[in-house]
Amino acid sequence: GVKVTAIGLGKQANVRELITIASEPKSEHVFTAFLDTL
């Protein structure tokens, strides 16, 4: 029952891994950003 939001930081972010971890819909629970845009 935990709603999981996964945020990848920087160029080394593993987006495939974040998608695996995050809740549905992925578009609302997976994000990538650099520290200055976070």
All heavy atoms as atom14 arrays in JSON, in Angstrom:
{
  "sequence": "GVKVTAIGLGKQANVRELITIASEPKSEHVFTAFLDTL",
  "atom14_mask": [
    [1, 1, 1, 1, 0, 0, 0, 0, 0, 0, 0, 0, 0, 0],
    [1, 1, 1, 1, 1, 1, 1, 0, 0, 0, 0, 0, 0, 0],
    [1, 1, 1, 1, 1, 1, 1, 1, 1, 0, 0, 0, 0, 0],
    [1, 1, 1, 1, 1, 1, 1, 0, 0, 0, 0, 0, 0, 0],
    [1, 1, 1, 1, 1, 1, 1, 0, 0, 0, 0, 0, 0, 0],
    [1, 1, 1, 1, 1, 0, 0, 0, 0, 0, 0, 0, 0, 0],
    [1, 1, 1, 1, 1, 1, 1, 1, 0, 0, 0, 0, 0, 0],
    [1, 1, 1, 1, 0, 0, 0, 0, 0, 0, 0, 0, 0, 0],
    [1, 1, 1, 1, 1, 1, 1, 1, 0, 0, 0, 0, 0, 0],
    [1, 1, 1, 1, 0, 0, 0, 0, 0, 0, 0, 0, 0, 0],
    [1, 1, 1, 1, 1, 1, 1, 1, 1, 0, 0, 0, 0, 0],
    [1, 1, 1, 1, 1, 1, 1, 1, 1, 0, 0, 0, 0, 0],
    [1, 1, 1, 1, 1, 0, 0, 0, 0, 0, 0, 0, 0, 0],
    [1, 1, 1, 1, 1, 1, 1, 1, 0, 0, 0, 0, 0, 0],
    [1, 1, 1, 1, 1, 1, 1, 0, 0, 0, 0, 0, 0, 0],
    [1, 1, 1, 1, 1, 1, 1, 1, 1, 1, 1, 0, 0, 0],
    [1, 1, 1, 1, 1, 1, 1, 1, 1, 0, 0, 0, 0, 0],
    [1, 1, 1, 1, 1, 1, 1, 1, 0, 0, 0, 0, 0, 0],
    [1, 1, 1, 1, 1, 1, 1, 1, 0, 0, 0, 0, 0, 0],
    [1, 1, 1, 1, 1, 1, 1, 0, 0, 0, 0, 0, 0, 0],
    [1, 1, 1, 1, 1, 1, 1, 1, 0, 0, 0, 0, 0, 0],
    [1, 1, 1, 1, 1, 0, 0, 0, 0, 0, 0, 0, 0, 0],
    [1, 1, 1, 1, 1, 1, 0, 0, 0, 0, 0, 0, 0, 0],
    [1, 1, 1, 1, 1, 1, 1, 1, 1, 0, 0, 0, 0, 0],
    [1, 1, 1, 1, 1, 1, 1, 0, 0, 0, 0, 0, 0, 0],
    [1, 1, 1, 1, 1, 1, 1, 1, 1, 0, 0, 0, 0, 0],
    [1, 1, 1, 1, 1, 1, 0, 0, 0, 0, 0, 0, 0, 0],
    [1, 1, 1, 1, 1, 1, 1, 1, 1, 0, 0, 0, 0, 0],
    [1, 1, 1, 1, 1, 1, 1, 1, 1, 1, 0, 0, 0, 0],
    [1, 1, 1, 1, 1, 1, 1, 0, 0, 0, 0, 0, 0, 0],
    [1, 1, 1, 1, 1, 1, 1, 1, 1, 1, 1, 0, 0, 0],
    [1, 1, 1, 1, 1, 1, 1, 0, 0, 0, 0, 0, 0, 0],
    [1, 1, 1, 1, 1, 0, 0, 0, 0, 0, 0, 0, 0, 0],
    [1, 1, 1, 1, 1, 1, 1, 1, 1, 1, 1, 0, 0, 0],
    [1, 1, 1, 1, 1, 1, 1, 1, 0, 0, 0, 0, 0, 0],
    [1, 1, 1, 1, 1, 1, 1, 1, 0, 0, 0, 0, 0, 0],
    [1, 1, 1, 1, 1, 1, 1, 0, 0, 0, 0, 0, 0, 0],
    [1, 1, 1, 1, 1, 1, 1, 1, 0, 0, 0, 0, 0, 0]
  ],
  "atom14_positions": [
    [[0.78, -1.23, 0.0], [0.0, 0.0, 0.0], [0.81, 1.27, 0.0], [0.23, 2.37, 0.06], [0.0, 0.0, 0.0], [0.0, 0.0, 0.0], [0.0, 0.0, 0.0], [0.0, 0.0, 0.0], [0.0, 0.0, 0.0], [0.0, 0.0, 0.0], [0.0, 0.0, 0.0], [0.0, 0.0, 0.0], [0.0, 0.0, 0.0], [0.0, 0.0, 0.0]],
    [[2.13, 1.17, -0.11], [2.98, 2.36, -0.12], [3.0, 2.95, -1.54], [3.27, 2.23, -2.51], [4.41, 2.04, 0.33], [5.29, 3.28, 0.26], [4.4, 1.49, 1.76], [0.0, 0.0, 0.0], [0.0, 0.0, 0.0], [0.0, 0.0, 0.0], [0.0, 0.0, 0.0], [0.0, 0.0, 0.0], [0.0, 0.0, 0.0], [0.0, 0.0, 0.0]],
    [[2.73, 4.24, -1.64], [2.85, 4.92, -2.93], [4.3, 5.37, -3.08], [4.82, 6.12, -2.26], [1.91, 6.13, -2.99], [1.99, 6.89, -4.32], [1.01, 8.04, -4.36], [-0.41, 7.55, -4.58], [-1.35, 8.67, -4.86], [0.0, 0.0, 0.0], [0.0, 0.0, 0.0], [0.0, 0.0, 0.0], [0.0, 0.0, 0.0], [0.0, 0.0, 0.0]],
    [[4.96, 4.91, -4.14], [6.4, 5.12, -4.3], [6.68, 6.11, -5.43], [6.28, 5.89, -6.58], [7.13, 3.8, -4.6], [8.64, 4.04, -4.7], [6.82, 2.75, -3.52], [0.0, 0.0, 0.0], [0.0, 0.0, 0.0], [0.0, 0.0, 0.0], [0.0, 0.0, 0.0], [0.0, 0.0, 0.0], [0.0, 0.0, 0.0], [0.0, 0.0, 0.0]],
    [[7.37, 7.2, -5.08], [7.84, 8.17, -6.06], [9.36, 8.06, -6.13], [10.04, 8.09, -5.1], [7.46, 9.6, -5.64], [6.03, 9.71, -5.61], [8.02, 10.63, -6.62], [0.0, 0.0, 0.0], [0.0, 0.0, 0.0], [0.0, 0.0, 0.0], [0.0, 0.0, 0.0], [0.0, 0.0, 0.0], [0.0, 0.0, 0.0], [0.0, 0.0, 0.0]],
    [[9.9, 7.89, -7.33], [11.33, 7.69, -7.53], [11.92, 8.85, -8.31], [11.45, 9.17, -9.41], [11.59, 6.37, -8.25], [0.0, 0.0, 0.0], [0.0, 0.0, 0.0], [0.0, 0.0, 0.0], [0.0, 0.0, 0.0], [0.0, 0.0, 0.0], [0.0, 0.0, 0.0], [0.0, 0.0, 0.0], [0.0, 0.0, 0.0], [0.0, 0.0, 0.0]],
    [[12.94, 9.49, -7.75], [13.56, 10.66, -8.35], [15.03, 10.34, -8.63], [15.78, 9.98, -7.72], [13.47, 11.88, -7.42], [12.01, 12.14, -7.03], [14.08, 13.11, -8.08], [11.86, 13.13, -5.89], [0.0, 0.0, 0.0], [0.0, 0.0, 0.0], [0.0, 0.0, 0.0], [0.0, 0.0, 0.0], [0.0, 0.0, 0.0], [0.0, 0.0, 0.0]],
    [[15.43, 10.46, -9.89], [16.82, 10.24, -10.28], [17.56, 11.55, -10.39], [17.08, 12.5, -11.01], [0.0, 0.0, 0.0], [0.0, 0.0, 0.0], [0.0, 0.0, 0.0], [0.0, 0.0, 0.0], [0.0, 0.0, 0.0], [0.0, 0.0, 0.0], [0.0, 0.0, 0.0], [0.0, 0.0, 0.0], [0.0, 0.0, 0.0], [0.0, 0.0, 0.0]],
    [[18.74, 11.6, -9.8], [19.52, 12.83, -9.75], [20.76, 12.72, -10.64], [21.55, 11.78, -10.52], [19.96, 13.11, -8.31], [18.85, 13.19, -7.26], [19.44, 13.36, -5.88], [17.9, 14.33, -7.59], [0.0, 0.0, 0.0], [0.0, 0.0, 0.0], [0.0, 0.0, 0.0], [0.0, 0.0, 0.0], [0.0, 0.0, 0.0], [0.0, 0.0, 0.0]],
    [[20.91, 13.69, -11.54], [22.12, 13.77, -12.34], [22.17, 12.82, -13.52], [21.23, 12.08, -13.81], [0.0, 0.0, 0.0], [0.0, 0.0, 0.0], [0.0, 0.0, 0.0], [0.0, 0.0, 0.0], [0.0, 0.0, 0.0], [0.0, 0.0, 0.0], [0.0, 0.0, 0.0], [0.0, 0.0, 0.0], [0.0, 0.0, 0.0], [0.0, 0.0, 0.0]],
    [[23.32, 12.83, -14.2], [23.49, 12.08, -15.43], [23.55, 10.57, -15.2], [23.32, 9.8, -16.13], [24.77, 12.54, -16.14], [24.71, 13.96, -16.67], [25.96, 14.31, -17.46], [27.18, 14.38, -16.56], [28.38, 14.83, -17.32], [0.0, 0.0, 0.0], [0.0, 0.0, 0.0], [0.0, 0.0, 0.0], [0.0, 0.0, 0.0], [0.0, 0.0, 0.0]],
    [[23.89, 10.15, -13.99], [24.03, 8.72, -13.72], [22.72, 8.07, -13.27], [22.71, 6.88, -12.93], [25.1, 8.51, -12.63], [26.46, 9.07, -12.99], [27.01, 8.49, -14.28], [26.92, 7.28, -14.5], [27.54, 9.35, -15.13], [0.0, 0.0, 0.0], [0.0, 0.0, 0.0], [0.0, 0.0, 0.0], [0.0, 0.0, 0.0], [0.0, 0.0, 0.0]],
    [[21.64, 8.83, -13.26], [20.35, 8.27, -12.83], [19.96, 7.09, -13.71], [20.05, 7.15, -14.94], [19.27, 9.35, -12.89], [0.0, 0.0, 0.0], [0.0, 0.0, 0.0], [0.0, 0.0, 0.0], [0.0, 0.0, 0.0], [0.0, 0.0, 0.0], [0.0, 0.0, 0.0], [0.0, 0.0, 0.0], [0.0, 0.0, 0.0], [0.0, 0.0, 0.0]],
    [[19.55, 6.0, -13.08], [19.14, 4.79, -13.8], [17.62, 4.82, -13.95], [16.88, 4.37, -13.07], [19.6, 3.56, -13.02], [19.37, 2.27, -13.79], [18.39, 2.12, -14.51], [20.29, 1.33, -13.63], [0.0, 0.0, 0.0], [0.0, 0.0, 0.0], [0.0, 0.0, 0.0], [0.0, 0.0, 0.0], [0.0, 0.0, 0.0], [0.0, 0.0, 0.0]],
    [[17.17, 5.35, -15.06], [15.74, 5.58, -15.26], [14.97, 4.26, -15.3], [13.87, 4.15, -14.74], [15.48, 6.4, -16.54], [13.98, 6.57, -16.77], [16.16, 7.76, -16.45], [0.0, 0.0, 0.0], [0.0, 0.0, 0.0], [0.0, 0.0, 0.0], [0.0, 0.0, 0.0], [0.0, 0.0, 0.0], [0.0, 0.0, 0.0], [0.0, 0.0, 0.0]],
    [[15.54, 3.25, -15.92], [14.88, 1.94, -15.98], [14.63, 1.4, -14.57], [13.56, 0.87, -14.25], [15.72, 0.95, -16.78], [15.06, -0.4, -17.0], [16.01, -1.36, -17.69], [16.39, -0.85, -19.0], [15.72, -1.07, -20.13], [14.61, -1.8, -20.07], [16.14, -0.59, -21.27], [0.0, 0.0, 0.0], [0.0, 0.0, 0.0], [0.0, 0.0, 0.0]],
    [[15.6, 1.6, -13.7], [15.48, 1.15, -12.31], [14.41, 1.94, -11.57], [13.62, 1.39, -10.79], [16.83, 1.3, -11.62], [16.93, 0.68, -10.26], [18.35, 0.73, -9.73], [19.16, -0.14, -10.14], [18.67, 1.64, -8.93], [0.0, 0.0, 0.0], [0.0, 0.0, 0.0], [0.0, 0.0, 0.0], [0.0, 0.0, 0.0], [0.0, 0.0, 0.0]],
    [[14.37, 3.25, -11.81], [13.37, 4.09, -11.17], [11.96, 3.66, -11.57], [11.05, 3.61, -10.75], [13.59, 5.56, -11.53], [14.94, 6.18, -11.16], [15.02, 7.61, -11.69], [15.15, 6.16, -9.66], [0.0, 0.0, 0.0], [0.0, 0.0, 0.0], [0.0, 0.0, 0.0], [0.0, 0.0, 0.0], [0.0, 0.0, 0.0], [0.0, 0.0, 0.0]],
    [[11.8, 3.34, -12.86], [10.5, 2.9, -13.36], [10.09, 1.59, -12.7], [8.91, 1.38, -12.36], [10.54, 2.75, -14.9], [10.68, 4.14, -15.55], [9.31, 2.02, -15.43], [10.95, 4.1, -17.04], [0.0, 0.0, 0.0], [0.0, 0.0, 0.0], [0.0, 0.0, 0.0], [0.0, 0.0, 0.0], [0.0, 0.0, 0.0], [0.0, 0.0, 0.0]],
    [[11.05, 0.7, -12.5], [10.78, -0.58, -11.84], [10.28, -0.38, -10.41], [9.39, -1.09, -9.94], [12.05, -1.45, -11.83], [12.46, -1.71, -13.17], [11.82, -2.77, -11.09], [0.0, 0.0, 0.0], [0.0, 0.0, 0.0], [0.0, 0.0, 0.0], [0.0, 0.0, 0.0], [0.0, 0.0, 0.0], [0.0, 0.0, 0.0], [0.0, 0.0, 0.0]],
    [[10.84, 0.6, -9.72], [10.53, 0.82, -8.31], [9.22, 1.58, -8.11], [8.46, 1.29, -7.19], [11.68, 1.59, -7.63], [12.97, 0.75, -7.64], [11.32, 2.01, -6.21], [14.2, 1.52, -7.23], [0.0, 0.0, 0.0], [0.0, 0.0, 0.0], [0.0, 0.0, 0.0], [0.0, 0.0, 0.0], [0.0, 0.0, 0.0], [0.0, 0.0, 0.0]],
    [[8.94, 2.54, -8.97], [7.87, 3.51, -8.73], [6.47, 2.95, -8.94], [6.26, 1.95, -9.63], [8.07, 4.72, -9.64], [0.0, 0.0, 0.0], [0.0, 0.0, 0.0], [0.0, 0.0, 0.0], [0.0, 0.0, 0.0], [0.0, 0.0, 0.0], [0.0, 0.0, 0.0], [0.0, 0.0, 0.0], [0.0, 0.0, 0.0], [0.0, 0.0, 0.0]],
    [[5.51, 3.64, -8.33], [4.1, 3.31, -8.48], [3.57, 3.75, -9.83], [4.19, 4.55, -10.54], [3.29, 3.98, -7.36], [3.63, 3.48, -6.09], [0.0, 0.0, 0.0], [0.0, 0.0, 0.0], [0.0, 0.0, 0.0], [0.0, 0.0, 0.0], [0.0, 0.0, 0.0], [0.0, 0.0, 0.0], [0.0, 0.0, 0.0], [0.0, 0.0, 0.0]],
    [[2.4, 3.24, -10.18], [1.67, 3.68, -11.37], [0.81, 4.89, -11.03], [0.35, 5.01, -9.9], [0.78, 2.55, -11.89], [1.54, 1.32, -12.36], [2.21, 1.49, -13.71], [2.01, 2.55, -14.36], [2.94, 0.59, -14.12], [0.0, 0.0, 0.0], [0.0, 0.0, 0.0], [0.0, 0.0, 0.0], [0.0, 0.0, 0.0], [0.0, 0.0, 0.0]],
    [[0.54, 5.77, -11.99], [1.16, 5.83, -13.31], [2.59, 6.34, -13.22], [2.88, 7.26, -12.43], [0.26, 6.8, -14.09], [-0.33, 7.68, -13.02], [-0.48, 6.83, -11.8], [0.0, 0.0, 0.0], [0.0, 0.0, 0.0], [0.0, 0.0, 0.0], [0.0, 0.0, 0.0], [0.0, 0.0, 0.0], [0.0, 0.0, 0.0], [0.0, 0.0, 0.0]],
    [[3.48, 5.76, -13.99], [4.89, 6.1, -13.91], [5.14, 7.58, -14.24], [6.06, 8.19, -13.68], [5.7, 5.23, -14.88], [5.51, 3.73, -14.68], [5.98, 3.25, -13.32], [5.85, 1.74, -13.2], [6.28, 1.21, -11.89], [0.0, 0.0, 0.0], [0.0, 0.0, 0.0], [0.0, 0.0, 0.0], [0.0, 0.0, 0.0], [0.0, 0.0, 0.0]],
    [[4.31, 8.14, -15.1], [4.5, 9.54, -15.5], [4.32, 10.5, -14.33], [4.81, 11.63, -14.36], [3.52, 9.92, -16.61], [2.17, 9.76, -16.17], [0.0, 0.0, 0.0], [0.0, 0.0, 0.0], [0.0, 0.0, 0.0], [0.0, 0.0, 0.0], [0.0, 0.0, 0.0], [0.0, 0.0, 0.0], [0.0, 0.0, 0.0], [0.0, 0.0, 0.0]],
    [[3.63, 10.06, -13.28], [3.4, 10.92, -12.12], [4.29, 10.56, -10.94], [4.28, 11.25, -9.92], [1.93, 10.82, -11.69], [0.96, 11.36, -12.74], [-0.49, 11.2, -12.32], [-0.74, 10.66, -11.22], [-1.37, 11.59, -13.1], [0.0, 0.0, 0.0], [0.0, 0.0, 0.0], [0.0, 0.0, 0.0], [0.0, 0.0, 0.0], [0.0, 0.0, 0.0]],
    [[5.08, 9.48, -11.08], [5.87, 9.01, -9.94], [7.33, 8.77, -10.27], [8.08, 8.29, -9.41], [5.24, 7.74, -9.37], [3.88, 7.95, -8.83], [3.63, 8.66, -7.67], [2.66, 7.58, -9.29], [2.33, 8.7, -7.45], [1.72, 8.06, -8.42], [0.0, 0.0, 0.0], [0.0, 0.0, 0.0], [0.0, 0.0, 0.0], [0.0, 0.0, 0.0]],
    [[7.76, 9.11, -11.48], [9.17, 9.01, -11.86], [9.64, 10.37, -12.37], [9.02, 10.95, -13.27], [9.4, 7.93, -12.95], [10.87, 7.92, -13.36], [8.99, 6.55, -12.44], [0.0, 0.0, 0.0], [0.0, 0.0, 0.0], [0.0, 0.0, 0.0], [0.0, 0.0, 0.0], [0.0, 0.0, 0.0], [0.0, 0.0, 0.0], [0.0, 0.0, 0.0]],
    [[10.73, 10.85, -11.79], [11.27, 12.16, -12.16], [12.78, 12.06, -12.28], [13.42, 11.26, -11.58], [10.92, 13.22, -11.11], [9.46, 13.42, -10.88], [8.78, 12.68, -9.93], [8.75, 14.37, -11.61], [7.42, 12.85, -9.72], [7.39, 14.54, -11.42], [6.73, 13.78, -10.46], [0.0, 0.0, 0.0], [0.0, 0.0, 0.0], [0.0, 0.0, 0.0]],
    [[13.34, 12.87, -13.17], [14.79, 13.02, -13.23], [15.1, 14.51, -13.2], [14.35, 15.32, -13.73], [15.39, 12.41, -14.51], [14.76, 13.0, -15.66], [15.19, 10.9, -14.54], [0.0, 0.0, 0.0], [0.0, 0.0, 0.0], [0.0, 0.0, 0.0], [0.0, 0.0, 0.0], [0.0, 0.0, 0.0], [0.0, 0.0, 0.0], [0.0, 0.0, 0.0]],
    [[16.2, 14.85, -12.55], [16.56, 16.26, -12.41], [18.02, 16.36, -12.04], [18.64, 15.41, -11.54], [15.7, 16.93, -11.35], [0.0, 0.0, 0.0], [0.0, 0.0, 0.0], [0.0, 0.0, 0.0], [0.0, 0.0, 0.0], [0.0, 0.0, 0.0], [0.0, 0.0, 0.0], [0.0, 0.0, 0.0], [0.0, 0.0, 0.0], [0.0, 0.0, 0.0]],
    [[18.58, 17.54, -12.27], [19.88, 17.88, -11.73], [19.64, 18.67, -10.44], [18.54, 19.15, -10.18], [20.69, 18.7, -12.74], [21.11, 17.9, -13.94], [20.32, 17.86, -15.08], [22.29, 17.17, -13.92], [20.7, 17.12, -16.19], [22.68, 16.41, -15.02], [21.88, 16.39, -16.15], [0.0, 0.0, 0.0], [0.0, 0.0, 0.0], [0.0, 0.0, 0.0]],
    [[20.67, 18.8, -9.63], [20.49, 19.43, -8.33], [19.96, 20.86, -8.45], [19.15, 21.3, -7.63], [21.81, 19.42, -7.55], [22.23, 18.05, -7.02], [23.6, 18.14, -6.37], [21.22, 17.51, -6.01], [0.0, 0.0, 0.0], [0.0, 0.0, 0.0], [0.0, 0.0, 0.0], [0.0, 0.0, 0.0], [0.0, 0.0, 0.0], [0.0, 0.0, 0.0]],
    [[20.4, 21.58, -9.5], [19.95, 22.97, -9.62], [18.53, 23.08, -10.14], [17.88, 24.13, -9.98], [20.9, 23.79, -10.49], [21.09, 23.2, -11.88], [20.68, 22.05, -12.1], [21.64, 23.9, -12.75], [0.0, 0.0, 0.0], [0.0, 0.0, 0.0], [0.0, 0.0, 0.0], [0.0, 0.0, 0.0], [0.0, 0.0, 0.0], [0.0, 0.0, 0.0]],
    [[17.99, 22.03, -10.76], [16.61, 22.07, -11.26], [15.65, 21.28, -10.38], [14.45, 21.28, -10.61], [16.54, 21.51, -12.7], [16.97, 20.13, -12.7], [17.44, 22.3, -13.64], [0.0, 0.0, 0.0], [0.0, 0.0, 0.0], [0.0, 0.0, 0.0], [0.0, 0.0, 0.0], [0.0, 0.0, 0.0], [0.0, 0.0, 0.0], [0.0, 0.0, 0.0]],
    [[16.18, 20.61, -9.37], [15.35, 19.76, -8.52], [14.19, 20.51, -7.87], [13.05, 20.0, -7.86], [16.22, 19.1, -7.45], [15.64, 17.95, -6.64], [15.07, 16.86, -7.54], [16.71, 17.37, -5.73], [0.0, 0.0, 0.0], [0.0, 0.0, 0.0], [0.0, 0.0, 0.0], [0.0, 0.0, 0.0], [0.0, 0.0, 0.0], [0.0, 0.0, 0.0]]
  ]
}
